[in-house]
């Protein structure tokens, strides 16, 4: 930047020589132009400082957004793990009931198997959500939360009914 100022000052002096025959007037014109160039330099440095500060703020916001995305991903992984555990528990219970002298209708068994398949699909869906982009992840999470809870309640109620029939029968 200093080199540019010197070059600019030399240019101004050369132009001033052509325009002003008096060396003192020439010097005064050059000094005026130099002062103006220095003021512009100070203004530009101020703008650079402001831009650097804004950049720093944006970097902090980006870092916070990444931390939030990581937290959301961890939460979803925890939810998936809980659903996986629930699915394994239901499979084990189904196998246990199939091996006992349980005399339930095929409809109850098929319904329980369908519930397990639904839970497996839902687990696969949640796993795919973890790998999604953060913006898609937030909207998909909001859409699925209500359906996810309802499916869990339905399967639990159905399981309780079947268990009640088994204990009763």
C-alpha atoms as a PDB file:
ATOM      1  CA  UNK A   1       0.000   0.000   0.000  1.00  0.00           C
ATOM      2  CA  UNK A   2       2.864   2.375   0.826  1.00  0.00           C
ATOM      3  CA  UNK A   3       4.397   1.684  -2.574  1.00  0.00           C
ATOM      4  CA  UNK A   4       1.127   2.607  -4.221  1.00  0.00           C
ATOM      5  CA  UNK A   5       1.006   5.844  -2.243  1.00  0.00           C
ATOM      6  CA  UNK A   6       4.535   6.760  -3.329  1.00  0.00           C
ATOM      7  CA  UNK A   7       3.711   5.940  -6.913  1.00  0.00           C
ATOM      8  CA  UNK A   8       0.542   7.992  -6.659  1.00  0.00           C
ATOM      9  CA  UNK A   9       2.465  10.914  -5.147  1.00  0.00           C
ATOM     10  CA  UNK A  10       5.028  10.773  -7.976  1.00  0.00           C
ATOM     11  CA  UNK A  11       2.231  10.726 -10.516  1.00  0.00           C
ATOM     12  CA  UNK A  12       0.622  13.724  -8.857  1.00  0.00           C
ATOM     13  CA  UNK A  13       3.921  15.587  -8.838  1.00  0.00           C
ATOM     14  CA  UNK A  14       4.440  14.870 -12.527  1.00  0.00           C
ATOM     15  CA  UNK A  15       0.951  16.108 -13.341  1.00  0.00           C
ATOM     16  CA  UNK A  16       1.384  19.132 -11.126  1.00  0.00           C
ATOM     17  CA  UNK A  17       4.597  20.068 -12.938  1.00  0.00           C
ATOM     18  CA  UNK A  18       2.684  20.201 -16.158  1.00  0.00           C
ATOM     19  CA  UNK A  19      -0.123  22.232 -14.664  1.00  0.00           C
ATOM     20  CA  UNK A  20       1.677  24.568 -12.252  1.00  0.00           C
ATOM     21  CA  UNK A  21       4.874  26.380 -13.211  1.00  0.00           C
ATOM     22  CA  UNK A  22       5.656  27.419  -9.627  1.00  0.00           C
ATOM     23  CA  UNK A  23       7.574  24.755  -7.596  1.00  0.00           C
ATOM     24  CA  UNK A  24       6.042  25.833  -4.288  1.00  0.00           C
ATOM     25  CA  UNK A  25       2.536  25.669  -5.671  1.00  0.00           C
ATOM     26  CA  UNK A  26       3.436  22.328  -7.158  1.00  0.00           C
ATOM     27  CA  UNK A  27       4.599  21.080  -3.773  1.00  0.00           C
ATOM     28  CA  UNK A  28       1.465  22.379  -2.095  1.00  0.00           C
ATOM     29  CA  UNK A  29      -0.759  20.586  -4.651  1.00  0.00           C
ATOM     30  CA  UNK A  30       1.240  17.374  -4.163  1.00  0.00           C
ATOM     31  CA  UNK A  31       0.974  17.611  -0.376  1.00  0.00           C
ATOM     32  CA  UNK A  32      -2.773  18.176  -0.630  1.00  0.00           C
ATOM     33  CA  UNK A  33      -3.181  15.137  -2.845  1.00  0.00           C
ATOM     34  CA  UNK A  34      -0.937  13.107  -0.548  1.00  0.00           C
ATOM     35  CA  UNK A  35      -3.039  14.095   2.468  1.00  0.00           C
ATOM     36  CA  UNK A  36      -6.181  13.061   0.605  1.00  0.00           C
ATOM     37  CA  UNK A  37      -4.613   9.715  -0.312  1.00  0.00           C
ATOM     38  CA  UNK A  38      -3.617   9.137   3.319  1.00  0.00           C
ATOM     39  CA  UNK A  39      -7.185   9.911   4.457  1.00  0.00           C
ATOM     40  CA  UNK A  40      -8.479   7.393   1.947  1.00  0.00           C
ATOM     41  CA  UNK A  41      -5.976   4.858   3.247  1.00  0.00           C
ATOM     42  CA  UNK A  42      -7.195   5.366   6.822  1.00  0.00           C
ATOM     43  CA  UNK A  43     -10.814   4.998   5.666  1.00  0.00           C
ATOM     44  CA  UNK A  44      -9.995   1.785   3.808  1.00  0.00           C
ATOM     45  CA  UNK A  45      -8.148   0.382   6.829  1.00  0.00           C
ATOM     46  CA  UNK A  46     -11.222   1.127   8.936  1.00  0.00           C
ATOM     47  CA  UNK A  47     -13.419  -0.733   6.449  1.00  0.00           C
ATOM     48  CA  UNK A  48     -11.029  -3.686   6.487  1.00  0.00           C
ATOM     49  CA  UNK A  49     -11.186  -3.790  10.298  1.00  0.00           C
ATOM     50  CA  UNK A  50     -14.986  -3.747  10.232  1.00  0.00           C
ATOM     51  CA  UNK A  51     -15.065  -6.542   7.667  1.00  0.00           C
ATOM     52  CA  UNK A  52     -12.612  -8.615   9.705  1.00  0.00           C
ATOM     53  CA  UNK A  53     -14.831  -8.164  12.766  1.00  0.00           C
ATOM     54  CA  UNK A  54     -17.914  -9.236  10.804  1.00  0.00           C
ATOM     55  CA  UNK A  55     -16.014 -12.246   9.492  1.00  0.00           C
ATOM     56  CA  UNK A  56     -15.092 -13.227  13.043  1.00  0.00           C
ATOM     57  CA  UNK A  57     -18.744 -12.933  14.141  1.00  0.00           C
ATOM     58  CA  UNK A  58     -19.896 -15.075  11.210  1.00  0.00           C
ATOM     59  CA  UNK A  59     -17.264 -17.705  12.026  1.00  0.00           C
ATOM     60  CA  UNK A  60     -18.557 -17.838  15.601  1.00  0.00           C
ATOM     61  CA  UNK A  61     -22.140 -18.236  14.365  1.00  0.00           C
ATOM     62  CA  UNK A  62     -21.032 -21.018  12.047  1.00  0.00           C
ATOM     63  CA  UNK A  63     -19.237 -22.773  14.882  1.00  0.00           C
ATOM     64  CA  UNK A  64     -22.344 -22.545  17.080  1.00  0.00           C
ATOM     65  CA  UNK A  65     -24.490 -23.935  14.258  1.00  0.00           C
ATOM     66  CA  UNK A  66     -22.114 -26.878  13.820  1.00  0.00           C
ATOM     67  CA  UNK A  67     -22.227 -27.594  17.547  1.00  0.00           C
ATOM     68  CA  UNK A  68     -26.028 -27.540  17.476  1.00  0.00           C
ATOM     69  CA  UNK A  69     -26.097 -29.873  14.466  1.00  0.00           C
ATOM     70  CA  UNK A  70     -23.788 -32.295  16.287  1.00  0.00           C
ATOM     71  CA  UNK A  71     -26.040 -32.195  19.339  1.00  0.00           C
ATOM     72  CA  UNK A  72     -29.125 -32.911  17.200  1.00  0.00           C
ATOM     73  CA  UNK A  73     -27.360 -35.789  15.457  1.00  0.00           C
ATOM     74  CA  UNK A  74     -26.384 -37.274  18.833  1.00  0.00           C
ATOM     75  CA  UNK A  75     -29.972 -36.961  20.037  1.00  0.00           C
ATOM     76  CA  UNK A  76     -31.248 -38.748  16.937  1.00  0.00           C
ATOM     77  CA  UNK A  77     -28.670 -41.494  17.335  1.00  0.00           C
ATOM     78  CA  UNK A  78     -29.858 -41.971  20.919  1.00  0.00           C
ATOM     79  CA  UNK A  79     -33.462 -42.178  19.744  1.00  0.00           C
ATOM     80  CA  UNK A  80     -32.513 -44.718  17.087  1.00  0.00           C
ATOM     81  CA  UNK A  81     -30.641 -46.787  19.634  1.00  0.00           C
ATOM     82  CA  UNK A  82     -33.671 -46.759  21.942  1.00  0.00           C
ATOM     83  CA  UNK A  83     -35.913 -47.873  19.066  1.00  0.00           C
ATOM     84  CA  UNK A  84     -33.423 -50.605  18.144  1.00  0.00           C
ATOM     85  CA  UNK A  85     -33.498 -51.856  21.729  1.00  0.00           C
ATOM     86  CA  UNK A  86     -37.290 -51.758  21.766  1.00  0.00           C
ATOM     87  CA  UNK A  87     -37.378 -53.653  18.483  1.00  0.00           C
ATOM     88  CA  UNK A  88     -35.033 -56.343  19.825  1.00  0.00           C
ATOM     89  CA  UNK A  89     -37.160 -56.638  22.944  1.00  0.00           C
ATOM     90  CA  UNK A  90     -40.325 -57.076  20.875  1.00  0.00           C
ATOM     91  CA  UNK A  91     -38.653 -59.671  18.657  1.00  0.00           C
ATOM     92  CA  UNK A  92     -37.518 -61.623  21.706  1.00  0.00           C
ATOM     93  CA  UNK A  93     -40.987 -61.439  23.213  1.00  0.00           C
ATOM     94  CA  UNK A  94     -42.537 -62.581  19.933  1.00  0.00           C
ATOM     95  CA  UNK A  95     -40.192 -65.550  19.728  1.00  0.00           C
ATOM     96  CA  UNK A  96     -40.919 -66.444  23.339  1.00  0.00           C
ATOM     97  CA  UNK A  97     -44.643 -66.294  22.746  1.00  0.00           C
ATOM     98  CA  UNK A  98     -44.380 -68.375  19.592  1.00  0.00           C
ATOM     99  CA  UNK A  99     -42.486 -71.106  21.442  1.00  0.00           C
ATOM    100  CA  UNK A 100     -44.957 -71.329  24.325  1.00  0.00           C
ATOM    101  CA  UNK A 101     -48.328 -72.957  24.277  1.00  0.00           C
ATOM    102  CA  UNK A 102     -49.937 -69.721  23.282  1.00  0.00           C
ATOM    103  CA  UNK A 103     -53.164 -70.319  21.372  1.00  0.00           C
ATOM    104  CA  UNK A 104     -53.788 -66.931  19.871  1.00  0.00           C
ATOM    105  CA  UNK A 105     -55.161 -66.300  16.456  1.00  0.00           C
ATOM    106  CA  UNK A 106     -52.910 -65.874  13.454  1.00  0.00           C
ATOM    107  CA  UNK A 107     -54.231 -62.332  13.142  1.00  0.00           C
ATOM    108  CA  UNK A 108     -52.660 -61.331  16.480  1.00  0.00           C
ATOM    109  CA  UNK A 109     -49.319 -62.833  15.484  1.00  0.00           C
ATOM    110  CA  UNK A 110     -49.408 -61.206  12.071  1.00  0.00           C
ATOM    111  CA  UNK A 111     -50.301 -57.878  13.633  1.00  0.00           C
ATOM    112  CA  UNK A 112     -47.399 -58.136  16.062  1.00  0.00           C
ATOM    113  CA  UNK A 113     -45.060 -59.077  13.220  1.00  0.00           C
ATOM    114  CA  UNK A 114     -46.368 -56.124  11.202  1.00  0.00           C
ATOM    115  CA  UNK A 115     -45.718 -53.848  14.169  1.00  0.00           C
ATOM    116  CA  UNK A 116     -42.150 -55.117  14.304  1.00  0.00           C
ATOM    117  CA  UNK A 117     -41.726 -54.520  10.564  1.00  0.00           C
ATOM    118  CA  UNK A 118     -43.123 -51.005  10.968  1.00  0.00           C
ATOM    119  CA  UNK A 119     -40.658 -50.328  13.769  1.00  0.00           C
ATOM    120  CA  UNK A 120     -37.801 -51.665  11.640  1.00  0.00           C
ATOM    121  CA  UNK A 121     -38.776 -49.333   8.798  1.00  0.00           C
ATOM    122  CA  UNK A 122     -39.002 -46.453  11.202  1.00  0.00           C
ATOM    123  CA  UNK A 123     -35.551 -47.217  12.635  1.00  0.00           C
ATOM    124  CA  UNK A 124     -34.140 -47.290   9.093  1.00  0.00           C
ATOM    125  CA  UNK A 125     -35.847 -43.984   8.386  1.00  0.00           C
ATOM    126  CA  UNK A 126     -34.372 -42.364  11.512  1.00  0.00           C
ATOM    127  CA  UNK A 127     -30.942 -43.685  10.631  1.00  0.00           C
ATOM    128  CA  UNK A 128     -31.219 -42.056   7.210  1.00  0.00           C
ATOM    129  CA  UNK A 129     -32.238 -38.784   8.889  1.00  0.00           C
ATOM    130  CA  UNK A 130     -29.027 -38.729  10.897  1.00  0.00           C
ATOM    131  CA  UNK A 131     -27.085 -38.709   7.631  1.00  0.00           C
ATOM    132  CA  UNK A 132     -29.225 -35.907   6.102  1.00  0.00           C
ATOM    133  CA  UNK A 133     -28.233 -32.301   5.696  1.00  0.00           C
ATOM    134  CA  UNK A 134     -28.938 -30.209   8.826  1.00  0.00           C
ATOM    135  CA  UNK A 135     -31.732 -28.120   7.294  1.00  0.00           C
ATOM    136  CA  UNK A 136     -33.518 -31.191   5.992  1.00  0.00           C
ATOM    137  CA  UNK A 137     -32.884 -32.897   9.311  1.00  0.00           C
ATOM    138  CA  UNK A 138     -34.712 -30.210  11.303  1.00  0.00           C
ATOM    139  CA  UNK A 139     -37.800 -30.221   9.077  1.00  0.00           C
ATOM    140  CA  UNK A 140     -37.924 -34.013   8.850  1.00  0.00           C
ATOM    141  CA  UNK A 141     -37.532 -34.318  12.610  1.00  0.00           C
ATOM    142  CA  UNK A 142     -40.511 -32.034  13.201  1.00  0.00           C
ATOM    143  CA  UNK A 143     -42.647 -33.982  10.686  1.00  0.00           C
ATOM    144  CA  UNK A 144     -41.773 -37.380  12.114  1.00  0.00           C
ATOM    145  CA  UNK A 145     -41.994 -36.656  15.832  1.00  0.00           C
ATOM    146  CA  UNK A 146     -45.780 -36.920  15.988  1.00  0.00           C
ATOM    147  CA  UNK A 147     -45.971 -40.114  13.896  1.00  0.00           C
ATOM    148  CA  UNK A 148     -43.078 -41.676  15.772  1.00  0.00           C
ATOM    149  CA  UNK A 149     -44.795 -41.300  19.140  1.00  0.00           C
ATOM    150  CA  UNK A 150     -48.128 -42.563  17.818  1.00  0.00           C
ATOM    151  CA  UNK A 151     -46.551 -45.706  16.343  1.00  0.00           C
ATOM    152  CA  UNK A 152     -44.810 -46.426  19.642  1.00  0.00           C
ATOM    153  CA  UNK A 153     -48.064 -46.040  21.587  1.00  0.00           C
ATOM    154  CA  UNK A 154     -49.970 -48.251  19.165  1.00  0.00           C
ATOM    155  CA  UNK A 155     -47.391 -51.015  19.285  1.00  0.00           C
ATOM    156  CA  UNK A 156     -47.221 -50.861  23.076  1.00  0.00           C
ATOM    157  CA  UNK A 157     -51.037 -51.008  23.376  1.00  0.00           C
ATOM    158  CA  UNK A 158     -51.221 -53.912  20.941  1.00  0.00           C
ATOM    159  CA  UNK A 159     -48.470 -55.739  22.794  1.00  0.00           C
ATOM    160  CA  UNK A 160     -50.282 -55.220  26.110  1.00  0.00           C
ATOM    161  CA  UNK A 161     -53.537 -56.602  24.625  1.00  0.00           C
ATOM    162  CA  UNK A 162     -51.782 -59.668  23.278  1.00  0.00           C
ATOM    163  CA  UNK A 163     -49.973 -60.187  26.558  1.00  0.00           C
ATOM    164  CA  UNK A 164     -53.282 -59.823  28.440  1.00  0.00           C
ATOM    165  CA  UNK A 165     -54.886 -62.436  26.156  1.00  0.00           C
ATOM    166  CA  UNK A 166     -51.939 -64.737  26.681  1.00  0.00           C
ATOM    167  CA  UNK A 167     -52.038 -64.355  30.455  1.00  0.00           C
ATOM    168  CA  UNK A 168     -55.823 -64.775  30.453  1.00  0.00           C
ATOM    169  CA  UNK A 169     -55.929 -67.719  28.063  1.00  0.00           C
END
